[in-house]
C-alpha atoms as a PDB file:
ATOM      1  CA  MET A   1     -80.935  20.288  44.331  1.00  0.00           C
ATOM      2  CA  ARG A   2     -83.638  21.377  42.422  1.00  0.00           C
ATOM      3  CA  ARG A   3     -84.037  18.475  39.719  1.00  0.00           C
ATOM      4  CA  ASP A   4     -82.092  15.081  39.510  1.00  0.00           C
ATOM      5  CA  THR A   5     -78.859  15.061  37.589  1.00  0.00           C
ATOM      6  CA  ASP A   6     -76.252  12.321  37.070  1.00  0.00           C
ATOM      7  CA  SER A   7     -72.751  12.678  37.841  1.00  0.00           C
ATOM      8  CA  GLU A   8     -71.556  14.303  34.665  1.00  0.00           C
ATOM      9  CA  GLN A   9     -74.158  16.408  34.268  1.00  0.00           C
ATOM     10  CA  THR A  10     -73.344  17.839  37.829  1.00  0.00           C
ATOM     11  CA  ALA A  11     -69.692  17.940  36.944  1.00  0.00           C
ATOM     12  CA  VAL A  12     -69.850  19.737  33.811  1.00  0.00           C
ATOM     13  CA  ALA A  13     -72.336  22.207  35.321  1.00  0.00           C
ATOM     14  CA  PHE A  14     -69.854  23.074  38.085  1.00  0.00           C
ATOM     15  CA  LEU A  15     -66.574  22.758  35.983  1.00  0.00           C
ATOM     16  CA  THR A  16     -68.269  25.504  33.241  1.00  0.00           C
ATOM     17  CA  SER A  17     -68.561  27.864  36.411  1.00  0.00           C
ATOM     18  CA  VAL A  18     -64.990  27.640  37.451  1.00  0.00           C
ATOM     19  CA  ALA A  19     -63.841  27.998  33.599  1.00  0.00           C
ATOM     20  CA  LYS A  20     -66.085  31.109  33.456  1.00  0.00           C
ATOM     21  CA  ASN A  21     -63.723  32.678  36.555  1.00  0.00           C
ATOM     22  CA  HIS A  22     -60.385  31.684  35.086  1.00  0.00           C
ATOM     23  CA  ASP A  23     -58.420  32.156  32.014  1.00  0.00           C
ATOM     24  CA  ARG A  24     -56.858  29.409  29.737  1.00  0.00           C
ATOM     25  CA  LYS A  25     -53.525  29.548  31.684  1.00  0.00           C
ATOM     26  CA  ALA A  26     -55.261  29.543  35.216  1.00  0.00           C
ATOM     27  CA  MET A  27     -57.307  26.449  33.872  1.00  0.00           C
ATOM     28  CA  GLN A  28     -54.426  24.529  33.074  1.00  0.00           C
ATOM     29  CA  SER A  29     -52.729  24.850  36.071  1.00  0.00           C
ATOM     30  CA  LEU A  30     -55.913  23.884  38.023  1.00  0.00           C
ATOM     31  CA  GLN A  31     -56.898  20.805  35.375  1.00  0.00           C
ATOM     32  CA  ASP A  32     -55.652  17.892  38.229  1.00  0.00           C
ATOM     33  CA  ARG A  33     -57.255  19.379  40.906  1.00  0.00           C
ATOM     34  CA  LEU A  34     -60.739  19.867  38.644  1.00  0.00           C
ATOM     35  CA  ASN A  35     -59.902  16.289  37.551  1.00  0.00           C
ATOM     36  CA  ALA A  36     -59.863  15.134  41.054  1.00  0.00           C
ATOM     37  CA  PHE A  37     -63.058  17.396  42.225  1.00  0.00           C
ATOM     38  CA  LYS A  38     -64.843  15.731  38.920  1.00  0.00           C
ATOM     39  CA  LEU A  39     -64.614  12.519  40.229  1.00  0.00           C
ATOM     40  CA  MET A  40     -66.004  13.582  43.484  1.00  0.00           C
ATOM     41  CA  MET A  41     -69.179  14.583  41.656  1.00  0.00           C
ATOM     42  CA  PRO A  42     -72.339  12.553  42.824  1.00  0.00           C
ATOM     43  CA  SER A  43     -75.529  11.537  41.027  1.00  0.00           C
ATOM     44  CA  MET A  44     -78.173  13.796  42.531  1.00  0.00           C
ATOM     45  CA  LYS A  45     -82.098  13.768  43.476  1.00  0.00           C
ATOM     46  CA  ARG A  46     -84.055  16.713  43.988  1.00  0.00           C
ATOM     47  CA  GLY A  47     -83.539  17.678  47.350  1.00  0.00           C
ATOM     48  CA  ASP A  48     -80.191  16.864  47.644  1.00  0.00           C
ATOM     49  CA  VAL A  49     -77.708  19.036  49.504  1.00  0.00           C
ATOM     50  CA  LEU A  50     -74.108  19.419  47.796  1.00  0.00           C
ATOM     51  CA  ARG A  51     -71.768  21.541  50.195  1.00  0.00           C
ATOM     52  CA  LEU A  52     -68.450  22.673  49.092  1.00  0.00           C
ATOM     53  CA  GLU A  53     -66.113  23.546  52.213  1.00  0.00           C
ATOM     54  CA  PHE A  54     -63.320  25.639  51.949  1.00  0.00           C
ATOM     55  CA  LEU A  55     -60.943  24.557  55.039  1.00  0.00           C
ATOM     56  CA  THR A  56     -58.272  27.271  56.561  1.00  0.00           C
ATOM     57  CA  ASN A  57     -55.419  25.118  54.779  1.00  0.00           C
ATOM     58  CA  GLY A  58     -56.904  25.745  51.297  1.00  0.00           C
ATOM     59  CA  ASP A  59     -58.320  22.111  50.568  1.00  0.00           C
ATOM     60  CA  THR A  60     -62.098  21.773  49.571  1.00  0.00           C
ATOM     61  CA  ARG A  61     -64.418  19.387  50.957  1.00  0.00           C
ATOM     62  CA  VAL A  62     -67.320  17.856  49.425  1.00  0.00           C
ATOM     63  CA  THR A  63     -70.258  16.433  51.072  1.00  0.00           C
ATOM     64  CA  LEU A  64     -73.292  15.279  49.925  1.00  0.00           C
ATOM     65  CA  ASN A  65     -76.148  15.168  52.296  1.00  0.00           C
ATOM     66  CA  GLY A  66     -73.736  15.267  54.891  1.00  0.00           C
ATOM     67  CA  ALA A  67     -71.851  12.497  53.876  1.00  0.00           C
ATOM     68  CA  GLU A  68     -68.191  13.225  52.765  1.00  0.00           C
ATOM     69  CA  GLN A  69     -67.399  12.432  49.121  1.00  0.00           C
ATOM     70  CA  GLY A  70     -63.805  13.380  49.587  1.00  0.00           C
ATOM     71  CA  VAL A  71     -61.437  16.354  49.821  1.00  0.00           C
ATOM     72  CA  VAL A  72     -59.398  18.337  46.920  1.00  0.00           C
ATOM     73  CA  ALA A  73     -56.020  19.096  48.469  1.00  0.00           C
ATOM     74  CA  VAL A  74     -54.221  22.349  47.507  1.00  0.00           C
ATOM     75  CA  ILE A  75     -51.280  21.614  45.105  1.00  0.00           C
ATOM     76  CA  GLY A  76     -48.842  24.482  44.776  1.00  0.00           C
ATOM     77  CA  ASP A  77     -50.883  27.658  45.475  1.00  0.00           C
ATOM     78  CA  SER A  78     -53.841  28.176  47.533  1.00  0.00           C
ATOM     79  CA  THR A  79     -56.273  29.300  44.751  1.00  0.00           C
ATOM     80  CA  PHE A  80     -58.846  26.602  43.706  1.00  0.00           C
ATOM     81  CA  PHE A  81     -61.925  28.425  42.820  1.00  0.00           C
END
């Protein structure tokens, strides 16, 4: 991370990027997963490392500085991002 952010800033930045790559219908179908993902977004400090790991089963693991924050499970199709 290049600067300190609170969890809301981190989540909004990520969700804005996802929205740029999906139409409104796709975003609606992803809403439950995006809400779960948003709850995992931590406050971050300069130098922190947020890792999104796309697992072979389609789930997405979120870690901050090597500590797991949670996993967003695939619901329905395997498309999340």
